[in-house]
Amino acid sequence: METNRVKQKLAAGGVSIGTMVFEFATTGVARLAAEAGAEFVIFDMEHSGFGIETIRTLLATSPLTASPMVRVPVTEYHFIARALDMGARGIMVPMVETAEQARKIVQCAKYPPVGRRGSAFGVAHDGYSTGDIVPKIEARNRETLLIAQIETPEGVRNADEIAAVPEIDVLWIGHFDLTNFLGIPGQFTHPQFTSAVKKVLDACNKHRKAAGFMAMDIAGGQALLDQGFRILAYGGDLWLYQAALCAGLEGLRSHRPAGK
């Protein structure tokens, strides 16, 4: 297994920036993202409606220069392990609220002795290759990135315990859901939200884990980096396309040709 450059960069204290895909299930979308400079692409199964066959195609056509990952819809073995078997280099799990749940993610994602992932070799995740499985197991346990999303008050309360779970690499704040569950929908400057963010960042710093967030614009992303977030998704395919198209259309509509 090739080195997971995103995981290695984060482990060394660096920053990684990529994007997410919710809408465009095309064989070129990850290659477009990689060419644009994305270090990772997270394919969403929670809100997109993408099924496992679509995810399989997206992973199969993703260059490893933009580490392909999958956000599964729930903390269940058959989503986590299957996405990894199909070639995902990392897994994002929503609504993580306890250390017990975080440990279940590890159990589903890692081979023994670390976890309880069932073994299948000579398939997509190891490039259909033959050979000794021992180094393959060691490589996948070492290189697979695990992201726990903190999206509820309970998740925030337990952030320190979740961050302390070995093999969990990232605590990622799901900002819209977190404000919803706090009873302050979309209020990202509200003291309750900013306090929750600080608690998650503190937990990450204490346990040397990376904090993650989705940045919807450049200024917002820069502010997140200044706060200490070290892994950012710059928007998602549908919003980036819509924003770029809107800007172009408005620019053309507002243009007044010379002499007219």
C-alpha atoms as a PDB file:
ATOM      1  CA  MET A   1       0.000   0.000   0.000  1.00  0.00           C
ATOM      2  CA  GLU A   2       1.305   3.388  -0.939  1.00  0.00           C
ATOM      3  CA  THR A   3       2.044   5.802   1.880  1.00  0.00           C
ATOM      4  CA  ASN A   4      -1.036   7.808   2.840  1.00  0.00           C
ATOM      5  CA  ARG A   5       0.479  11.248   2.433  1.00  0.00           C
ATOM      6  CA  VAL A   6      -2.430  12.960   4.183  1.00  0.00           C
ATOM      7  CA  LYS A   7      -2.064  10.776   7.275  1.00  0.00           C
ATOM      8  CA  GLN A   8       1.707  11.157   7.322  1.00  0.00           C
ATOM      9  CA  LYS A   9       1.474  14.922   6.910  1.00  0.00           C
ATOM     10  CA  LEU A  10      -0.986  15.247   9.786  1.00  0.00           C
ATOM     11  CA  ALA A  11       1.051  12.938  12.006  1.00  0.00           C
ATOM     12  CA  ALA A  12       4.043  15.217  11.441  1.00  0.00           C
ATOM     13  CA  GLY A  13       2.015  18.233  12.568  1.00  0.00           C
ATOM     14  CA  GLY A  14       1.269  19.557   9.093  1.00  0.00           C
ATOM     15  CA  VAL A  15      -1.864  20.781   7.332  1.00  0.00           C
ATOM     16  CA  SER A  16      -3.808  19.006   4.584  1.00  0.00           C
ATOM     17  CA  ILE A  17      -6.429  20.604   2.339  1.00  0.00           C
ATOM     18  CA  GLY A  18      -8.810  18.794   0.037  1.00  0.00           C
ATOM     19  CA  THR A  19     -12.488  18.766  -0.882  1.00  0.00           C
ATOM     20  CA  MET A  20     -15.698  16.721  -0.765  1.00  0.00           C
ATOM     21  CA  VAL A  21     -17.930  15.212  -3.436  1.00  0.00           C
ATOM     22  CA  PHE A  22     -21.699  15.007  -2.962  1.00  0.00           C
ATOM     23  CA  GLU A  23     -23.227  15.317  -6.419  1.00  0.00           C
ATOM     24  CA  PHE A  24     -21.015  14.619  -9.443  1.00  0.00           C
ATOM     25  CA  ALA A  25     -20.548  10.858  -9.619  1.00  0.00           C
ATOM     26  CA  THR A  26     -18.267  11.022 -12.622  1.00  0.00           C
ATOM     27  CA  THR A  27     -15.074   9.088 -13.290  1.00  0.00           C
ATOM     28  CA  GLY A  28     -13.217  12.371 -13.720  1.00  0.00           C
ATOM     29  CA  VAL A  29     -14.220  14.254 -10.586  1.00  0.00           C
ATOM     30  CA  ALA A  30     -11.368  13.025  -8.365  1.00  0.00           C
ATOM     31  CA  ARG A  31      -8.840  13.538 -11.143  1.00  0.00           C
ATOM     32  CA  LEU A  32     -10.100  17.092 -11.609  1.00  0.00           C
ATOM     33  CA  ALA A  33      -9.718  17.697  -7.884  1.00  0.00           C
ATOM     34  CA  ALA A  34      -6.220  16.228  -7.887  1.00  0.00           C
ATOM     35  CA  GLU A  35      -5.194  18.377 -10.837  1.00  0.00           C
ATOM     36  CA  ALA A  36      -6.493  21.429  -8.953  1.00  0.00           C
ATOM     37  CA  GLY A  37      -4.224  20.524  -6.040  1.00  0.00           C
ATOM     38  CA  ALA A  38      -6.573  18.752  -3.623  1.00  0.00           C
ATOM     39  CA  GLU A  39      -4.658  16.437  -1.317  1.00  0.00           C
ATOM     40  CA  PHE A  40      -7.728  14.356  -0.577  1.00  0.00           C
ATOM     41  CA  VAL A  41     -11.274  13.832  -1.827  1.00  0.00           C
ATOM     42  CA  ILE A  42     -14.010  12.636   0.529  1.00  0.00           C
ATOM     43  CA  PHE A  43     -16.941  10.947  -1.206  1.00  0.00           C
ATOM     44  CA  ASP A  44     -20.128  11.393   0.804  1.00  0.00           C
ATOM     45  CA  MET A  45     -22.591   8.596   1.495  1.00  0.00           C
ATOM     46  CA  GLU A  46     -24.446  10.320   4.332  1.00  0.00           C
ATOM     47  CA  HIS A  47     -26.305  13.039   2.425  1.00  0.00           C
ATOM     48  CA  SER A  48     -25.632  12.359  -1.249  1.00  0.00           C
ATOM     49  CA  GLY A  49     -27.631   9.223  -1.934  1.00  0.00           C
ATOM     50  CA  PHE A  50     -24.511   7.553  -3.381  1.00  0.00           C
ATOM     51  CA  GLY A  51     -24.806   3.788  -3.099  1.00  0.00           C
ATOM     52  CA  ILE A  52     -21.974   1.318  -2.679  1.00  0.00           C
ATOM     53  CA  GLU A  53     -21.690   0.653  -6.430  1.00  0.00           C
ATOM     54  CA  THR A  54     -21.268   4.372  -7.116  1.00  0.00           C
ATOM     55  CA  ILE A  55     -18.637   4.616  -4.387  1.00  0.00           C
ATOM     56  CA  ARG A  56     -16.818   1.653  -5.910  1.00  0.00           C
ATOM     57  CA  THR A  57     -16.596   3.413  -9.277  1.00  0.00           C
ATOM     58  CA  LEU A  58     -15.499   6.700  -7.709  1.00  0.00           C
ATOM     59  CA  LEU A  59     -12.747   4.988  -5.719  1.00  0.00           C
ATOM     60  CA  ALA A  60     -11.589   2.940  -8.710  1.00  0.00           C
ATOM     61  CA  THR A  61     -11.132   6.094 -10.789  1.00  0.00           C
ATOM     62  CA  SER A  62      -9.458   8.188  -8.089  1.00  0.00           C
ATOM     63  CA  PRO A  63      -5.751   8.980  -8.323  1.00  0.00           C
ATOM     64  CA  LEU A  64      -3.820   8.365  -5.135  1.00  0.00           C
ATOM     65  CA  THR A  65      -2.333  11.849  -5.447  1.00  0.00           C
ATOM     66  CA  ALA A  66      -5.654  13.001  -3.947  1.00  0.00           C
ATOM     67  CA  SER A  67      -6.216  10.368  -1.242  1.00  0.00           C
ATOM     68  CA  PRO A  68      -9.759   9.039  -1.778  1.00  0.00           C
ATOM     69  CA  MET A  69     -11.844   8.695   1.360  1.00  0.00           C
ATOM     70  CA  VAL A  70     -15.480   7.924   2.129  1.00  0.00           C
ATOM     71  CA  ARG A  71     -17.908   9.395   4.612  1.00  0.00           C
ATOM     72  CA  VAL A  72     -20.096   6.468   5.565  1.00  0.00           C
ATOM     73  CA  PRO A  73     -23.672   7.121   6.738  1.00  0.00           C
ATOM     74  CA  VAL A  74     -23.457   5.354  10.116  1.00  0.00           C
ATOM     75  CA  THR A  75     -21.038   3.521  12.413  1.00  0.00           C
ATOM     76  CA  GLU A  76     -21.566   0.070  10.937  1.00  0.00           C
ATOM     77  CA  TYR A  77     -19.075  -2.586   9.895  1.00  0.00           C
ATOM     78  CA  HIS A  78     -20.629  -3.270   6.503  1.00  0.00           C
ATOM     79  CA  PHE A  79     -20.160   0.355   5.441  1.00  0.00           C
ATOM     80  CA  ILE A  80     -16.710   0.944   6.921  1.00  0.00           C
ATOM     81  CA  ALA A  81     -15.010  -2.311   5.949  1.00  0.00           C
ATOM     82  CA  ARG A  82     -16.551  -2.461   2.467  1.00  0.00           C
ATOM     83  CA  ALA A  83     -15.459   1.081   1.623  1.00  0.00           C
ATOM     84  CA  LEU A  84     -11.929   0.186   2.699  1.00  0.00           C
ATOM     85  CA  ASP A  85     -11.998  -3.077   0.714  1.00  0.00           C
ATOM     86  CA  MET A  86     -12.918  -1.044  -2.364  1.00  0.00           C
ATOM     87  CA  GLY A  87      -9.859   1.156  -1.945  1.00  0.00           C
ATOM     88  CA  ALA A  88     -10.748   4.049   0.366  1.00  0.00           C
ATOM     89  CA  ARG A  89      -7.645   5.419   2.060  1.00  0.00           C
ATOM     90  CA  GLY A  90      -9.659   6.805   4.927  1.00  0.00           C
ATOM     91  CA  ILE A  91     -13.078   6.786   6.544  1.00  0.00           C
ATOM     92  CA  MET A  92     -15.129   9.659   7.973  1.00  0.00           C
ATOM     93  CA  VAL A  93     -17.876   8.650  10.396  1.00  0.00           C
ATOM     94  CA  PRO A  94     -20.670  11.093  11.335  1.00  0.00           C
ATOM     95  CA  MET A  95     -22.267  11.655  14.736  1.00  0.00           C
ATOM     96  CA  VAL A  96     -19.510  10.200  16.893  1.00  0.00           C
ATOM     97  CA  GLU A  97     -20.527  10.776  20.504  1.00  0.00           C
ATOM     98  CA  THR A  98     -18.541   8.415  22.749  1.00  0.00           C
ATOM     99  CA  ALA A  99     -15.167   6.738  23.107  1.00  0.00           C
ATOM    100  CA  GLU A 100     -16.969   3.393  22.812  1.00  0.00           C
ATOM    101  CA  GLN A 101     -18.266   4.405  19.377  1.00  0.00           C
ATOM    102  CA  ALA A 102     -14.798   5.584  18.374  1.00  0.00           C
ATOM    103  CA  ARG A 103     -13.370   2.211  19.393  1.00  0.00           C
ATOM    104  CA  LYS A 104     -16.021   0.492  17.267  1.00  0.00           C
ATOM    105  CA  ILE A 105     -14.820   2.498  14.260  1.00  0.00           C
ATOM    106  CA  VAL A 106     -11.291   1.238  14.878  1.00  0.00           C
ATOM    107  CA  GLN A 107     -12.547  -2.325  15.260  1.00  0.00           C
ATOM    108  CA  CYS A 108     -14.339  -2.124  11.907  1.00  0.00           C
ATOM    109  CA  ALA A 109     -11.459  -0.460  10.060  1.00  0.00           C
ATOM    110  CA  LYS A 110      -8.320  -2.215  11.279  1.00  0.00           C
ATOM    111  CA  TYR A 111      -7.135  -5.787  10.962  1.00  0.00           C
ATOM    112  CA  PRO A 112      -6.150  -7.905  13.982  1.00  0.00           C
ATOM    113  CA  PRO A 113      -4.459  -7.439  16.342  1.00  0.00           C
ATOM    114  CA  VAL A 114      -5.571  -3.773  16.256  1.00  0.00           C
ATOM    115  CA  GLY A 115      -9.170  -4.380  15.175  1.00  0.00           C
ATOM    116  CA  ARG A 116     -11.517  -7.030  13.826  1.00  0.00           C
ATOM    117  CA  ARG A 117     -11.758  -6.193  10.133  1.00  0.00           C
ATOM    118  CA  GLY A 118     -12.321  -9.280   8.019  1.00  0.00           C
ATOM    119  CA  SER A 119      -9.597 -10.097   5.530  1.00  0.00           C
ATOM    120  CA  ALA A 120      -9.848 -10.087   1.752  1.00  0.00           C
ATOM    121  CA  PHE A 121      -6.666  -9.783  -0.266  1.00  0.00           C
ATOM    122  CA  GLY A 122      -5.975  -9.712  -3.974  1.00  0.00           C
ATOM    123  CA  VAL A 123      -8.949  -7.329  -4.299  1.00  0.00           C
ATOM    124  CA  ALA A 124      -9.305  -3.618  -4.994  1.00  0.00           C
ATOM    125  CA  HIS A 125      -7.700  -2.261  -1.831  1.00  0.00           C
ATOM    126  CA  ASP A 126      -4.356  -3.971  -2.484  1.00  0.00           C
ATOM    127  CA  GLY A 127      -4.417  -3.489  -6.246  1.00  0.00           C
ATOM    128  CA  TYR A 128      -5.457  -7.086  -6.936  1.00  0.00           C
ATOM    129  CA  SER A 129      -1.901  -8.109  -6.063  1.00  0.00           C
ATOM    130  CA  THR A 130      -0.602 -11.433  -4.834  1.00  0.00           C
ATOM    131  CA  GLY A 131       2.050 -11.991  -2.203  1.00  0.00           C
ATOM    132  CA  ASP A 132       2.556 -12.088   1.546  1.00  0.00           C
ATOM    133  CA  ILE A 133      -0.454 -10.692   3.403  1.00  0.00           C
ATOM    134  CA  VAL A 134       1.472  -9.797   6.565  1.00  0.00           C
ATOM    135  CA  PRO A 135       3.035  -6.608   5.170  1.00  0.00           C
ATOM    136  CA  LYS A 136      -0.313  -5.749   3.598  1.00  0.00           C
ATOM    137  CA  ILE A 137      -2.044  -5.960   6.981  1.00  0.00           C
ATOM    138  CA  GLU A 138       0.661  -3.891   8.623  1.00  0.00           C
ATOM    139  CA  ALA A 139       0.490  -1.249   5.870  1.00  0.00           C
ATOM    140  CA  ARG A 140      -3.275  -0.901   5.970  1.00  0.00           C
ATOM    141  CA  ASN A 141      -3.382  -0.667   9.728  1.00  0.00           C
ATOM    142  CA  ARG A 142      -0.663   1.981   9.579  1.00  0.00           C
ATOM    143  CA  GLU A 143      -1.877   4.050   6.623  1.00  0.00           C
ATOM    144  CA  THR A 144      -5.692   4.098   6.941  1.00  0.00           C
ATOM    145  CA  LEU A 145      -6.943   7.491   8.174  1.00  0.00           C
ATOM    146  CA  LEU A 146      -9.888   7.531  10.592  1.00  0.00           C
ATOM    147  CA  ILE A 147     -12.002  10.670  11.061  1.00  0.00           C
ATOM    148  CA  ALA A 148     -14.601  10.990  13.837  1.00  0.00           C
ATOM    149  CA  GLN A 149     -17.143  13.751  13.293  1.00  0.00           C
ATOM    150  CA  ILE A 150     -18.183  15.710  16.372  1.00  0.00           C
ATOM    151  CA  GLU A 151     -21.669  17.020  15.694  1.00  0.00           C
ATOM    152  CA  THR A 152     -23.657  16.894  18.945  1.00  0.00           C
ATOM    153  CA  PRO A 153     -23.362  18.259  22.491  1.00  0.00           C
ATOM    154  CA  GLU A 154     -22.624  14.728  23.714  1.00  0.00           C
ATOM    155  CA  GLY A 155     -19.800  14.417  21.216  1.00  0.00           C
ATOM    156  CA  VAL A 156     -18.371  17.722  22.450  1.00  0.00           C
ATOM    157  CA  ARG A 157     -18.661  16.634  26.095  1.00  0.00           C
ATOM    158  CA  ASN A 158     -16.787  13.438  25.274  1.00  0.00           C
ATOM    159  CA  ALA A 159     -14.276  15.001  22.862  1.00  0.00           C
ATOM    160  CA  ASP A 160     -11.325  14.389  25.176  1.00  0.00           C
ATOM    161  CA  GLU A 161     -12.160  10.685  25.556  1.00  0.00           C
ATOM    162  CA  ILE A 162     -12.783  10.299  21.808  1.00  0.00           C
ATOM    163  CA  ALA A 163      -9.478  11.987  20.944  1.00  0.00           C
ATOM    164  CA  ALA A 164      -7.711   9.673  23.388  1.00  0.00           C
ATOM    165  CA  VAL A 165      -8.752   6.551  21.432  1.00  0.00           C
ATOM    166  CA  PRO A 166      -5.690   5.140  19.649  1.00  0.00           C
ATOM    167  CA  GLU A 167      -6.030   4.949  15.840  1.00  0.00           C
ATOM    168  CA  ILE A 168      -8.522   7.841  15.635  1.00  0.00           C
ATOM    169  CA  ASP A 169      -6.579  10.450  13.660  1.00  0.00           C
ATOM    170  CA  VAL A 170      -8.973  13.382  13.280  1.00  0.00           C
ATOM    171  CA  LEU A 171     -11.849  14.983  15.167  1.00  0.00           C
ATOM    172  CA  TRP A 172     -13.884  16.853  12.553  1.00  0.00           C
ATOM    173  CA  ILE A 173     -16.526  19.363  13.583  1.00  0.00           C
ATOM    174  CA  GLY A 174     -19.798  19.053  11.691  1.00  0.00           C
ATOM    175  CA  HIS A 175     -20.700  22.700  12.126  1.00  0.00           C
ATOM    176  CA  PHE A 176     -24.269  22.815  10.833  1.00  0.00           C
ATOM    177  CA  ASP A 177     -25.351  19.737  12.749  1.00  0.00           C
ATOM    178  CA  LEU A 178     -23.602  20.935  15.880  1.00  0.00           C
ATOM    179  CA  THR A 179     -25.426  24.272  15.850  1.00  0.00           C
ATOM    180  CA  ASN A 180     -28.692  22.460  15.135  1.00  0.00           C
ATOM    181  CA  PHE A 181     -28.280  20.142  18.114  1.00  0.00           C
ATOM    182  CA  LEU A 182     -27.206  23.033  20.304  1.00  0.00           C
ATOM    183  CA  GLY A 183     -30.487  24.765  19.420  1.00  0.00           C
ATOM    184  CA  ILE A 184     -28.758  27.651  17.596  1.00  0.00           C
ATOM    185  CA  PRO A 185     -29.073  26.671  13.899  1.00  0.00           C
ATOM    186  CA  GLY A 186     -26.443  28.345  11.730  1.00  0.00           C
ATOM    187  CA  GLN A 187     -25.209  30.675  14.486  1.00  0.00           C
ATOM    188  CA  PHE A 188     -21.478  30.102  14.130  1.00  0.00           C
ATOM    189  CA  THR A 189     -20.477  33.082  16.269  1.00  0.00           C
ATOM    190  CA  HIS A 190     -22.753  32.109  19.163  1.00  0.00           C
ATOM    191  CA  PRO A 191     -20.833  31.579  22.437  1.00  0.00           C
ATOM    192  CA  GLN A 192     -22.172  28.022  22.751  1.00  0.00           C
ATOM    193  CA  PHE A 193     -20.737  27.108  19.375  1.00  0.00           C
ATOM    194  CA  THR A 194     -17.394  28.850  19.829  1.00  0.00           C
ATOM    195  CA  SER A 195     -17.039  27.213  23.252  1.00  0.00           C
ATOM    196  CA  ALA A 196     -17.728  23.800  21.724  1.00  0.00           C
ATOM    197  CA  VAL A 197     -15.158  24.411  18.995  1.00  0.00           C
ATOM    198  CA  LYS A 198     -12.561  25.339  21.587  1.00  0.00           C
ATOM    199  CA  LYS A 199     -13.233  22.177  23.570  1.00  0.00           C
ATOM    200  CA  VAL A 200     -12.707  20.010  20.483  1.00  0.00           C
ATOM    201  CA  LEU A 201      -9.537  21.878  19.526  1.00  0.00           C
ATOM    202  CA  ASP A 202      -8.212  21.518  23.066  1.00  0.00           C
ATOM    203  CA  ALA A 203      -8.880  17.768  22.991  1.00  0.00           C
ATOM    204  CA  CYS A 204      -7.053  17.435  19.672  1.00  0.00           C
ATOM    205  CA  ASN A 205      -4.074  19.410  20.910  1.00  0.00           C
ATOM    206  CA  LYS A 206      -3.899  17.424  24.144  1.00  0.00           C
ATOM    207  CA  HIS A 207      -3.866  14.068  22.357  1.00  0.00           C
ATOM    208  CA  ARG A 208      -1.902  15.179  19.269  1.00  0.00           C
ATOM    209  CA  LYS A 209      -4.787  14.589  16.908  1.00  0.00           C
ATOM    210  CA  ALA A 210      -5.749  16.823  13.972  1.00  0.00           C
ATOM    211  CA  ALA A 211      -8.900  18.949  14.031  1.00  0.00           C
ATOM    212  CA  GLY A 212     -10.966  19.113  10.839  1.00  0.00           C
ATOM    213  CA  PHE A 213     -13.627  21.387   9.355  1.00  0.00           C
ATOM    214  CA  MET A 214     -15.279  22.212   6.028  1.00  0.00           C
ATOM    215  CA  ALA A 215     -14.357  25.685   4.781  1.00  0.00           C
ATOM    216  CA  MET A 216     -16.913  27.251   2.457  1.00  0.00           C
ATOM    217  CA  ASP A 217     -14.782  30.220   1.393  1.00  0.00           C
ATOM    218  CA  ILE A 218     -11.146  31.276   1.410  1.00  0.00           C
ATOM    219  CA  ALA A 219     -11.397  33.841   4.210  1.00  0.00           C
ATOM    220  CA  GLY A 220     -13.276  31.405   6.400  1.00  0.00           C
ATOM    221  CA  GLY A 221     -10.716  28.700   5.713  1.00  0.00           C
ATOM    222  CA  GLN A 222      -7.849  31.011   6.580  1.00  0.00           C
ATOM    223  CA  ALA A 223      -9.548  31.842   9.882  1.00  0.00           C
ATOM    224  CA  LEU A 224      -9.929  28.121  10.624  1.00  0.00           C
ATOM    225  CA  LEU A 225      -6.237  27.539   9.953  1.00  0.00           C
ATOM    226  CA  ASP A 226      -5.433  30.411  12.302  1.00  0.00           C
ATOM    227  CA  GLN A 227      -7.570  28.708  14.973  1.00  0.00           C
ATOM    228  CA  GLY A 228      -5.528  25.544  14.712  1.00  0.00           C
ATOM    229  CA  PHE A 229      -7.537  23.329  12.357  1.00  0.00           C
ATOM    230  CA  ARG A 230      -5.115  21.184  10.357  1.00  0.00           C
ATOM    231  CA  ILE A 231      -7.328  19.343   7.878  1.00  0.00           C
ATOM    232  CA  LEU A 232      -9.851  21.270   5.806  1.00  0.00           C
ATOM    233  CA  ALA A 233     -12.245  20.343   3.029  1.00  0.00           C
ATOM    234  CA  TYR A 234     -12.649  23.331   0.755  1.00  0.00           C
ATOM    235  CA  GLY A 235     -16.354  23.103   0.015  1.00  0.00           C
ATOM    236  CA  GLY A 236     -18.048  20.400  -1.998  1.00  0.00           C
ATOM    237  CA  ASP A 237     -18.454  19.849  -5.725  1.00  0.00           C
ATOM    238  CA  LEU A 238     -22.019  21.165  -6.038  1.00  0.00           C
ATOM    239  CA  TRP A 239     -21.391  24.398  -4.084  1.00  0.00           C
ATOM    240  CA  LEU A 240     -18.106  25.136  -5.822  1.00  0.00           C
ATOM    241  CA  TYR A 241     -19.726  24.629  -9.216  1.00  0.00           C
ATOM    242  CA  GLN A 242     -22.737  26.754  -8.282  1.00  0.00           C
ATOM    243  CA  ALA A 243     -20.598  29.595  -6.890  1.00  0.00           C
ATOM    244  CA  ALA A 244     -18.288  29.665  -9.912  1.00  0.00           C
ATOM    245  CA  LEU A 245     -21.213  29.534 -12.341  1.00  0.00           C
ATOM    246  CA  CYS A 246     -23.083  32.264 -10.470  1.00  0.00           C
ATOM    247  CA  ALA A 247     -20.045  34.537 -10.500  1.00  0.00           C
ATOM    248  CA  GLY A 248     -19.512  33.996 -14.214  1.00  0.00           C
ATOM    249  CA  LEU A 249     -23.148  34.516 -15.160  1.00  0.00           C
ATOM    250  CA  GLU A 250     -23.440  37.667 -13.069  1.00  0.00           C
ATOM    251  CA  GLY A 251     -20.221  39.006 -14.541  1.00  0.00           C
ATOM    252  CA  LEU A 252     -21.496  38.516 -18.072  1.00  0.00           C
ATOM    253  CA  ARG A 253     -24.982  39.884 -17.352  1.00  0.00           C
ATOM    254  CA  SER A 254     -23.590  43.023 -15.770  1.00  0.00           C
ATOM    255  CA  HIS A 255     -21.204  43.713 -18.638  1.00  0.00           C
ATOM    256  CA  ARG A 256     -21.996  46.656 -20.879  1.00  0.00           C
ATOM    257  CA  PRO A 257     -20.228  46.385 -24.259  1.00  0.00           C
ATOM    258  CA  ALA A 258     -18.165  49.408 -25.243  1.00  0.00           C
ATOM    259  CA  GLY A 259     -20.153  52.000 -27.154  1.00  0.00           C
ATOM    260  CA  LYS A 260     -23.539  50.627 -26.147  1.00  0.00           C
END
